[in-house]
Amino acid sequence: MAVKPDKQDFDAVEREYGPLPPTASEAARAERYRLAQAAKIIRQLEEVVLVGDARDMKKKRKPQKPQK
């Protein structure tokens, strides 16, 4: 399965490593693409963890019983 990075993933890589020069080699552009793919995978995993944590918190919360 191929991972197609979004613009935000390329932007994150550019913030981290700086912009590629216009004369960047094919290998340098390919490396940036791989970094953007990795950034997308990490972002998606973080989203899954956050959703899982939210679900765990809901399960752990006990409904309060009305006081008499």
Foldseek 3Di string as FASTA:
>chain_A
DDQAADPVLLVVLCVVPNDDDPPDDPVVVVVSRVSSSVSVVVVVVVVVVVVVVVVVVVVPDDDDDDDD
